[in-house]
PDB file of all heavy atoms in Angstrom:
ATOM      1  N   VAL A   1       2.154  -5.590  -1.204  1.00  0.00           N
ATOM      2  CA  VAL A   1       0.776  -5.912  -0.815  1.00  0.00           C
ATOM      3  C   VAL A   1       0.717  -6.069   0.702  1.00  0.00           C
ATOM      4  O   VAL A   1       1.528  -6.766   1.301  1.00  0.00           O
ATOM      5  CB  VAL A   1       0.307  -7.191  -1.533  1.00  0.00           C
ATOM      6  CG1 VAL A   1      -1.068  -7.626  -1.051  1.00  0.00           C
ATOM      7  CG2 VAL A   1       0.325  -6.980  -3.041  1.00  0.00           C
ATOM      8  N   GLY A   2      -0.261  -5.423   1.322  1.00  0.00           N
ATOM      9  CA  GLY A   2      -0.381  -5.431   2.778  1.00  0.00           C
ATOM     10  C   GLY A   2      -1.223  -6.564   3.335  1.00  0.00           C
ATOM     11  O   GLY A   2      -1.104  -6.911   4.504  1.00  0.00           O
ATOM     12  N   ARG A   3      -2.105  -7.126   2.515  1.00  0.00           N
ATOM     13  CA  ARG A   3      -2.939  -8.244   2.958  1.00  0.00           C
ATOM     14  C   ARG A   3      -3.367  -9.034   1.729  1.00  0.00           C
ATOM     15  O   ARG A   3      -3.417  -8.498   0.625  1.00  0.00           O
ATOM     16  CB  ARG A   3      -4.153  -7.773   3.743  1.00  0.00           C
ATOM     17  CG  ARG A   3      -5.097  -6.873   2.986  1.00  0.00           C
ATOM     18  CD  ARG A   3      -6.298  -6.453   3.835  1.00  0.00           C
ATOM     19  NE  ARG A   3      -6.976  -5.303   3.283  1.00  0.00           N
ATOM     20  CZ  ARG A   3      -7.894  -5.356   2.324  1.00  0.00           C
ATOM     21  NH1 ARG A   3      -8.263  -6.514   1.817  1.00  0.00           N
ATOM     22  NH2 ARG A   3      -8.461  -4.249   1.876  1.00  0.00           N
ATOM     23  N   ASP A   4      -3.662 -10.316   1.934  1.00  0.00           N
ATOM     24  CA  ASP A   4      -4.138 -11.134   0.823  1.00  0.00           C
ATOM     25  C   ASP A   4      -5.394 -10.510   0.220  1.00  0.00           C
ATOM     26  O   ASP A   4      -6.232  -9.956   0.953  1.00  0.00           O
ATOM     27  CB  ASP A   4      -4.476 -12.547   1.302  1.00  0.00           C
ATOM     28  CG  ASP A   4      -3.243 -13.366   1.633  1.00  0.00           C
ATOM     29  OD1 ASP A   4      -2.117 -12.907   1.366  1.00  0.00           O
ATOM     30  OD2 ASP A   4      -3.418 -14.479   2.157  1.00  0.00           O
ATOM     31  N   PRO A   5      -5.556 -10.596  -1.092  1.00  0.00           N
ATOM     32  CA  PRO A   5      -6.744 -10.031  -1.725  1.00  0.00           C
ATOM     33  C   PRO A   5      -8.041 -10.661  -1.205  1.00  0.00           C
ATOM     34  O   PRO A   5      -8.111 -11.876  -1.014  1.00  0.00           O
ATOM     35  CB  PRO A   5      -6.559 -10.353  -3.207  1.00  0.00           C
ATOM     36  CG  PRO A   5      -5.091 -10.552  -3.368  1.00  0.00           C
ATOM     37  CD  PRO A   5      -4.625 -11.142  -2.076  1.00  0.00           C
ATOM     38  N   ALA A   6      -9.023  -9.827  -0.960  1.00  0.00           N
ATOM     39  CA  ALA A   6     -10.371 -10.298  -0.615  1.00  0.00           C
ATOM     40  C   ALA A   6     -11.142 -10.377  -1.928  1.00  0.00           C
ATOM     41  O   ALA A   6     -11.229  -9.390  -2.666  1.00  0.00           O
ATOM     42  CB  ALA A   6     -11.037  -9.323   0.345  1.00  0.00           C
ATOM     43  N   ILE A   7     -11.684 -11.542  -2.230  1.00  0.00           N
ATOM     44  CA  ILE A   7     -12.385 -11.763  -3.494  1.00  0.00           C
ATOM     45  C   ILE A   7     -13.882 -11.802  -3.225  1.00  0.00           C
ATOM     46  O   ILE A   7     -14.338 -12.458  -2.291  1.00  0.00           O
ATOM     47  CB  ILE A   7     -11.954 -13.095  -4.146  1.00  0.00           C
ATOM     48  CG1 ILE A   7     -10.436 -13.186  -4.266  1.00  0.00           C
ATOM     49  CG2 ILE A   7     -12.641 -13.288  -5.497  1.00  0.00           C
ATOM     50  CD1 ILE A   7      -9.792 -12.126  -5.112  1.00  0.00           C
ATOM     51  N   ARG A   8     -14.629 -11.083  -4.043  1.00  0.00           N
ATOM     52  CA  ARG A   8     -16.086 -11.185  -3.994  1.00  0.00           C
ATOM     53  C   ARG A   8     -16.619 -11.018  -5.408  1.00  0.00           C
ATOM     54  O   ARG A   8     -15.876 -10.661  -6.316  1.00  0.00           O
ATOM     55  CB  ARG A   8     -16.711 -10.196  -3.025  1.00  0.00           C
ATOM     56  CG  ARG A   8     -16.321  -8.793  -3.198  1.00  0.00           C
ATOM     57  CD  ARG A   8     -17.030  -7.920  -2.202  1.00  0.00           C
ATOM     58  NE  ARG A   8     -17.370  -6.725  -2.944  1.00  0.00           N
ATOM     59  CZ  ARG A   8     -17.628  -5.572  -2.436  1.00  0.00           C
ATOM     60  NH1 ARG A   8     -17.659  -5.428  -1.147  1.00  0.00           N
ATOM     61  NH2 ARG A   8     -17.892  -4.546  -3.187  1.00  0.00           N
ATOM     62  N   TYR A   9     -17.886 -11.302  -5.562  1.00  0.00           N
ATOM     63  CA  TYR A   9     -18.500 -11.240  -6.887  1.00  0.00           C
ATOM     64  C   TYR A   9     -19.594 -10.192  -6.879  1.00  0.00           C
ATOM     65  O   TYR A   9     -20.457 -10.178  -6.009  1.00  0.00           O
ATOM     66  CB  TYR A   9     -19.050 -12.617  -7.287  1.00  0.00           C
ATOM     67  CG  TYR A   9     -17.926 -13.582  -7.555  1.00  0.00           C
ATOM     68  CD1 TYR A   9     -17.314 -14.271  -6.518  1.00  0.00           C
ATOM     69  CD2 TYR A   9     -17.444 -13.770  -8.845  1.00  0.00           C
ATOM     70  CE1 TYR A   9     -16.253 -15.132  -6.754  1.00  0.00           C
ATOM     71  CE2 TYR A   9     -16.383 -14.633  -9.097  1.00  0.00           C
ATOM     72  CZ  TYR A   9     -15.806 -15.298  -8.041  1.00  0.00           C
ATOM     73  OH  TYR A   9     -14.748 -16.135  -8.275  1.00  0.00           O
ATOM     74  N   VAL A  10     -19.530  -9.293  -7.850  1.00  0.00           N
ATOM     75  CA  VAL A  10     -20.517  -8.236  -8.009  1.00  0.00           C
ATOM     76  C   VAL A  10     -21.186  -8.478  -9.357  1.00  0.00           C
ATOM     77  O   VAL A  10     -20.537  -8.374 -10.404  1.00  0.00           O
ATOM     78  CB  VAL A  10     -19.858  -6.836  -7.969  1.00  0.00           C
ATOM     79  CG1 VAL A  10     -20.898  -5.755  -8.159  1.00  0.00           C
ATOM     80  CG2 VAL A  10     -19.087  -6.647  -6.672  1.00  0.00           C
ATOM     81  N   GLU A  11     -22.450  -8.856  -9.315  1.00  0.00           N
ATOM     82  CA  GLU A  11     -23.195  -9.201 -10.535  1.00  0.00           C
ATOM     83  C   GLU A  11     -22.406 -10.203 -11.384  1.00  0.00           C
ATOM     84  O   GLU A  11     -22.203 -10.018 -12.573  1.00  0.00           O
ATOM     85  CB  GLU A  11     -23.546  -7.946 -11.321  1.00  0.00           C
ATOM     86  CG  GLU A  11     -24.462  -7.012 -10.542  1.00  0.00           C
ATOM     87  CD  GLU A  11     -24.757  -5.713 -11.282  1.00  0.00           C
ATOM     88  OE1 GLU A  11     -24.331  -5.568 -12.447  1.00  0.00           O
ATOM     89  OE2 GLU A  11     -25.415  -4.861 -10.682  1.00  0.00           O
ATOM     90  N   LYS A  12     -21.916 -11.248 -10.736  1.00  0.00           N
ATOM     91  CA  LYS A  12     -21.180 -12.354 -11.339  1.00  0.00           C
ATOM     92  C   LYS A  12     -19.783 -11.976 -11.839  1.00  0.00           C
ATOM     93  O   LYS A  12     -19.103 -12.784 -12.451  1.00  0.00           O
ATOM     94  CB  LYS A  12     -21.977 -13.009 -12.461  1.00  0.00           C
ATOM     95  CG  LYS A  12     -23.268 -13.627 -11.970  1.00  0.00           C
ATOM     96  CD  LYS A  12     -23.957 -14.376 -13.072  1.00  0.00           C
ATOM     97  CE  LYS A  12     -25.259 -14.978 -12.533  1.00  0.00           C
ATOM     98  NZ  LYS A  12     -25.968 -15.748 -13.534  1.00  0.00           N
ATOM     99  N   ARG A  13     -19.340 -10.744 -11.596  1.00  0.00           N
ATOM    100  CA  ARG A  13     -17.988 -10.312 -11.983  1.00  0.00           C
ATOM    101  C   ARG A  13     -17.069 -10.417 -10.771  1.00  0.00           C
ATOM    102  O   ARG A  13     -17.382  -9.880  -9.711  1.00  0.00           O
ATOM    103  CB  ARG A  13     -17.997  -8.861 -12.458  1.00  0.00           C
ATOM    104  CG  ARG A  13     -18.689  -8.635 -13.770  1.00  0.00           C
ATOM    105  CD  ARG A  13     -18.696  -7.166 -14.140  1.00  0.00           C
ATOM    106  NE  ARG A  13     -17.330  -6.660 -14.313  1.00  0.00           N
ATOM    107  CZ  ARG A  13     -17.012  -5.374 -14.272  1.00  0.00           C
ATOM    108  NH1 ARG A  13     -17.935  -4.451 -14.045  1.00  0.00           N
ATOM    109  NH2 ARG A  13     -15.765  -4.989 -14.434  1.00  0.00           N
ATOM    110  N   PRO A  14     -15.902 -11.081 -10.899  1.00  0.00           N
ATOM    111  CA  PRO A  14     -14.984 -11.149  -9.763  1.00  0.00           C
ATOM    112  C   PRO A  14     -14.319  -9.803  -9.507  1.00  0.00           C
ATOM    113  O   PRO A  14     -13.979  -9.070 -10.440  1.00  0.00           O
ATOM    114  CB  PRO A  14     -13.950 -12.190 -10.203  1.00  0.00           C
ATOM    115  CG  PRO A  14     -14.016 -12.206 -11.684  1.00  0.00           C
ATOM    116  CD  PRO A  14     -15.415 -11.818 -12.062  1.00  0.00           C
ATOM    117  N   MET A  15     -14.180  -9.483  -8.224  1.00  0.00           N
ATOM    118  CA  MET A  15     -13.517  -8.260  -7.803  1.00  0.00           C
ATOM    119  C   MET A  15     -12.545  -8.613  -6.680  1.00  0.00           C
ATOM    120  O   MET A  15     -12.911  -9.316  -5.740  1.00  0.00           O
ATOM    121  CB  MET A  15     -14.518  -7.229  -7.297  1.00  0.00           C
ATOM    122  CG  MET A  15     -13.861  -5.912  -6.918  1.00  0.00           C
ATOM    123  SD  MET A  15     -14.930  -4.841  -5.968  1.00  0.00           S
ATOM    124  CE  MET A  15     -14.596  -5.472  -4.344  1.00  0.00           C
ATOM    125  N   ALA A  16     -11.322  -8.144  -6.785  1.00  0.00           N
ATOM    126  CA  ALA A  16     -10.311  -8.350  -5.742  1.00  0.00           C
ATOM    127  C   ALA A  16      -9.990  -6.998  -5.126  1.00  0.00           C
ATOM    128  O   ALA A  16      -9.823  -6.008  -5.834  1.00  0.00           O
ATOM    129  CB  ALA A  16      -9.052  -8.969  -6.330  1.00  0.00           C
ATOM    130  N   ALA A  17      -9.907  -6.965  -3.795  1.00  0.00           N
ATOM    131  CA  ALA A  17      -9.560  -5.730  -3.088  1.00  0.00           C
ATOM    132  C   ALA A  17      -8.469  -6.042  -2.076  1.00  0.00           C
ATOM    133  O   ALA A  17      -8.527  -7.058  -1.380  1.00  0.00           O
ATOM    134  CB  ALA A  17     -10.781  -5.158  -2.383  1.00  0.00           C
ATOM    135  N   PHE A  18      -7.463  -5.172  -2.018  1.00  0.00           N
ATOM    136  CA  PHE A  18      -6.375  -5.344  -1.065  1.00  0.00           C
ATOM    137  C   PHE A  18      -5.670  -4.007  -0.876  1.00  0.00           C
ATOM    138  O   PHE A  18      -5.949  -3.045  -1.584  1.00  0.00           O
ATOM    139  CB  PHE A  18      -5.390  -6.433  -1.521  1.00  0.00           C
ATOM    140  CG  PHE A  18      -4.797  -6.207  -2.889  1.00  0.00           C
ATOM    141  CD1 PHE A  18      -3.596  -5.544  -3.037  1.00  0.00           C
ATOM    142  CD2 PHE A  18      -5.442  -6.677  -4.018  1.00  0.00           C
ATOM    143  CE1 PHE A  18      -3.037  -5.341  -4.288  1.00  0.00           C
ATOM    144  CE2 PHE A  18      -4.903  -6.481  -5.277  1.00  0.00           C
ATOM    145  CZ  PHE A  18      -3.698  -5.809  -5.411  1.00  0.00           C
ATOM    146  N   SER A  19      -4.770  -3.959   0.091  1.00  0.00           N
ATOM    147  CA  SER A  19      -4.010  -2.735   0.334  1.00  0.00           C
ATOM    148  C   SER A  19      -2.602  -2.882  -0.232  1.00  0.00           C
ATOM    149  O   SER A  19      -2.067  -3.982  -0.327  1.00  0.00           O
ATOM    150  CB  SER A  19      -3.946  -2.444   1.832  1.00  0.00           C
ATOM    151  OG  SER A  19      -3.354  -3.522   2.515  1.00  0.00           O
ATOM    152  N   LEU A  20      -2.029  -1.749  -0.627  1.00  0.00           N
ATOM    153  CA  LEU A  20      -0.673  -1.707  -1.155  1.00  0.00           C
ATOM    154  C   LEU A  20       0.074  -0.602  -0.432  1.00  0.00           C
ATOM    155  O   LEU A  20      -0.434   0.520  -0.309  1.00  0.00           O
ATOM    156  CB  LEU A  20      -0.695  -1.425  -2.657  1.00  0.00           C
ATOM    157  CG  LEU A  20       0.658  -1.492  -3.362  1.00  0.00           C
ATOM    158  CD1 LEU A  20       1.004  -2.947  -3.665  1.00  0.00           C
ATOM    159  CD2 LEU A  20       0.661  -0.680  -4.634  1.00  0.00           C
ATOM    160  N   ALA A  21       1.263  -0.912   0.058  1.00  0.00           N
ATOM    161  CA  ALA A  21       2.086   0.071   0.764  1.00  0.00           C
ATOM    162  C   ALA A  21       3.183   0.579  -0.161  1.00  0.00           C
ATOM    163  O   ALA A  21       3.864  -0.201  -0.819  1.00  0.00           O
ATOM    164  CB  ALA A  21       2.720  -0.567   2.001  1.00  0.00           C
ATOM    165  N   THR A  22       3.326   1.898  -0.216  1.00  0.00           N
ATOM    166  CA  THR A  22       4.456   2.512  -0.905  1.00  0.00           C
ATOM    167  C   THR A  22       5.241   3.284   0.148  1.00  0.00           C
ATOM    168  O   THR A  22       4.652   3.948   1.001  1.00  0.00           O
ATOM    169  CB  THR A  22       4.005   3.461  -2.029  1.00  0.00           C
ATOM    170  OG1 THR A  22       3.136   4.458  -1.499  1.00  0.00           O
ATOM    171  CG2 THR A  22       3.286   2.696  -3.124  1.00  0.00           C
ATOM    172  N   THR A  23       6.565   3.167   0.096  1.00  0.00           N
ATOM    173  CA  THR A  23       7.407   3.806   1.101  1.00  0.00           C
ATOM    174  C   THR A  23       8.437   4.684   0.415  1.00  0.00           C
ATOM    175  O   THR A  23       9.080   4.263  -0.552  1.00  0.00           O
ATOM    176  CB  THR A  23       8.118   2.743   1.954  1.00  0.00           C
ATOM    177  OG1 THR A  23       7.123   1.913   2.561  1.00  0.00           O
ATOM    178  CG2 THR A  23       8.960   3.375   3.046  1.00  0.00           C
ATOM    179  N   GLU A  24       8.564   5.902   0.912  1.00  0.00           N
ATOM    180  CA  GLU A  24       9.597   6.796   0.412  1.00  0.00           C
ATOM    181  C   GLU A  24      10.554   7.124   1.548  1.00  0.00           C
ATOM    182  O   GLU A  24      10.154   7.179   2.715  1.00  0.00           O
ATOM    183  CB  GLU A  24       9.003   8.076  -0.171  1.00  0.00           C
ATOM    184  CG  GLU A  24       8.317   8.966   0.832  1.00  0.00           C
ATOM    185  CD  GLU A  24       7.830  10.269   0.227  1.00  0.00           C
ATOM    186  OE1 GLU A  24       8.563  10.901  -0.549  1.00  0.00           O
ATOM    187  OE2 GLU A  24       6.710  10.657   0.559  1.00  0.00           O
ATOM    188  N   THR A  25      11.807   7.296   1.206  1.00  0.00           N
ATOM    189  CA  THR A  25      12.823   7.651   2.185  1.00  0.00           C
ATOM    190  C   THR A  25      13.359   9.029   1.824  1.00  0.00           C
ATOM    191  O   THR A  25      13.672   9.286   0.658  1.00  0.00           O
ATOM    192  CB  THR A  25      13.977   6.626   2.170  1.00  0.00           C
ATOM    193  OG1 THR A  25      13.423   5.332   2.429  1.00  0.00           O
ATOM    194  CG2 THR A  25      15.010   6.935   3.232  1.00  0.00           C
ATOM    195  N   PHE A  26      13.433   9.907   2.804  1.00  0.00           N
ATOM    196  CA  PHE A  26      13.935  11.257   2.557  1.00  0.00           C
ATOM    197  C   PHE A  26      14.632  11.773   3.812  1.00  0.00           C
ATOM    198  O   PHE A  26      14.470  11.233   4.895  1.00  0.00           O
ATOM    199  CB  PHE A  26      12.805  12.193   2.136  1.00  0.00           C
ATOM    200  CG  PHE A  26      11.742  12.367   3.187  1.00  0.00           C
ATOM    201  CD1 PHE A  26      11.766  13.449   4.058  1.00  0.00           C
ATOM    202  CD2 PHE A  26      10.719  11.431   3.321  1.00  0.00           C
ATOM    203  CE1 PHE A  26      10.786  13.597   5.037  1.00  0.00           C
ATOM    204  CE2 PHE A  26       9.746  11.568   4.290  1.00  0.00           C
ATOM    205  CZ  PHE A  26       9.777  12.657   5.152  1.00  0.00           C
ATOM    206  N   ILE A  27      15.407  12.831   3.634  1.00  0.00           N
ATOM    207  CA  ILE A  27      16.069  13.481   4.762  1.00  0.00           C
ATOM    208  C   ILE A  27      15.445  14.861   4.919  1.00  0.00           C
ATOM    209  O   ILE A  27      15.573  15.709   4.035  1.00  0.00           O
ATOM    210  CB  ILE A  27      17.588  13.592   4.538  1.00  0.00           C
ATOM    211  CG1 ILE A  27      18.196  12.199   4.400  1.00  0.00           C
ATOM    212  CG2 ILE A  27      18.245  14.363   5.682  1.00  0.00           C
ATOM    213  CD1 ILE A  27      19.672  12.182   4.068  1.00  0.00           C
ATOM    214  N   PRO A  28      14.713  15.076   6.018  1.00  0.00           N
ATOM    215  CA  PRO A  28      14.088  16.381   6.234  1.00  0.00           C
ATOM    216  C   PRO A  28      15.154  17.478   6.363  1.00  0.00           C
ATOM    217  O   PRO A  28      16.285  17.205   6.775  1.00  0.00           O
ATOM    218  CB  PRO A  28      13.331  16.221   7.562  1.00  0.00           C
ATOM    219  CG  PRO A  28      13.284  14.760   7.822  1.00  0.00           C
ATOM    220  CD  PRO A  28      14.427  14.142   7.096  1.00  0.00           C
ATOM    221  N   SER A  29      14.797  18.694   6.009  1.00  0.00           N
ATOM    222  CA  SER A  29      15.758  19.791   6.121  1.00  0.00           C
ATOM    223  C   SER A  29      16.188  19.951   7.579  1.00  0.00           C
ATOM    224  O   SER A  29      15.376  19.887   8.496  1.00  0.00           O
ATOM    225  CB  SER A  29      15.155  21.097   5.597  1.00  0.00           C
ATOM    226  OG  SER A  29      14.019  21.438   6.339  1.00  0.00           O
ATOM    227  N   GLY A  30      17.474  20.106   7.775  1.00  0.00           N
ATOM    228  CA  GLY A  30      18.022  20.263   9.115  1.00  0.00           C
ATOM    229  C   GLY A  30      18.294  18.954   9.831  1.00  0.00           C
ATOM    230  O   GLY A  30      18.824  18.941  10.932  1.00  0.00           O
ATOM    231  N   ALA A  31      17.938  17.819   9.224  1.00  0.00           N
ATOM    232  CA  ALA A  31      18.161  16.515   9.866  1.00  0.00           C
ATOM    233  C   ALA A  31      19.321  15.803   9.173  1.00  0.00           C
ATOM    234  O   ALA A  31      19.699  16.146   8.051  1.00  0.00           O
ATOM    235  CB  ALA A  31      16.904  15.668   9.790  1.00  0.00           C
ATOM    236  N   THR A  32      19.879  14.835   9.851  1.00  0.00           N
ATOM    237  CA  THR A  32      20.967  14.058   9.256  1.00  0.00           C
ATOM    238  C   THR A  32      20.566  12.616   8.991  1.00  0.00           C
ATOM    239  O   THR A  32      21.196  11.936   8.201  1.00  0.00           O
ATOM    240  CB  THR A  32      22.201  14.069  10.182  1.00  0.00           C
ATOM    241  OG1 THR A  32      21.810  13.552  11.453  1.00  0.00           O
ATOM    242  CG2 THR A  32      22.754  15.468  10.330  1.00  0.00           C
ATOM    243  N   GLU A  33      19.534  12.147   9.659  1.00  0.00           N
ATOM    244  CA  GLU A  33      19.080  10.762   9.499  1.00  0.00           C
ATOM    245  C   GLU A  33      17.904  10.695   8.522  1.00  0.00           C
ATOM    246  O   GLU A  33      16.993  11.520   8.582  1.00  0.00           O
ATOM    247  CB  GLU A  33      18.641  10.187  10.840  1.00  0.00           C
ATOM    248  CG  GLU A  33      19.759  10.044  11.852  1.00  0.00           C
ATOM    249  CD  GLU A  33      20.826   9.054  11.404  1.00  0.00           C
ATOM    250  OE1 GLU A  33      20.458   7.977  10.879  1.00  0.00           O
ATOM    251  OE2 GLU A  33      22.013   9.377  11.546  1.00  0.00           O
ATOM    252  N   PRO A  34      17.905   9.698   7.641  1.00  0.00           N
ATOM    253  CA  PRO A  34      16.771   9.542   6.729  1.00  0.00           C
ATOM    254  C   PRO A  34      15.508   9.098   7.476  1.00  0.00           C
ATOM    255  O   PRO A  34      15.582   8.416   8.493  1.00  0.00           O
ATOM    256  CB  PRO A  34      17.233   8.470   5.750  1.00  0.00           C
ATOM    257  CG  PRO A  34      18.379   7.792   6.403  1.00  0.00           C
ATOM    258  CD  PRO A  34      18.951   8.722   7.410  1.00  0.00           C
ATOM    259  N   VAL A  35      14.383   9.508   6.939  1.00  0.00           N
ATOM    260  CA  VAL A  35      13.078   9.163   7.495  1.00  0.00           C
ATOM    261  C   VAL A  35      12.308   8.393   6.431  1.00  0.00           C
ATOM    262  O   VAL A  35      12.347   8.742   5.253  1.00  0.00           O
ATOM    263  CB  VAL A  35      12.296  10.445   7.885  1.00  0.00           C
ATOM    264  CG1 VAL A  35      10.883  10.116   8.321  1.00  0.00           C
ATOM    265  CG2 VAL A  35      13.033  11.210   8.957  1.00  0.00           C
ATOM    266  N   LYS A  36      11.628   7.332   6.851  1.00  0.00           N
ATOM    267  CA  LYS A  36      10.778   6.570   5.927  1.00  0.00           C
ATOM    268  C   LYS A  36       9.320   6.933   6.183  1.00  0.00           C
ATOM    269  O   LYS A  36       8.888   7.016   7.328  1.00  0.00           O
ATOM    270  CB  LYS A  36      10.972   5.072   6.115  1.00  0.00           C
ATOM    271  CG  LYS A  36      12.271   4.561   5.591  1.00  0.00           C
ATOM    272  CD  LYS A  36      12.316   3.040   5.651  1.00  0.00           C
ATOM    273  CE  LYS A  36      13.621   2.561   5.036  1.00  0.00           C
ATOM    274  NZ  LYS A  36      13.654   1.106   4.944  1.00  0.00           N
TER     275      LYS A  36
END
């Protein structure tokens, strides 16, 4: 999670919004060091 959820109410229904980070590590062709 990138930030605490922001909570608001839409027609009395709670809604939470936040960001999520996914990270992949790979080695590009021709390179020797991994890249994230």
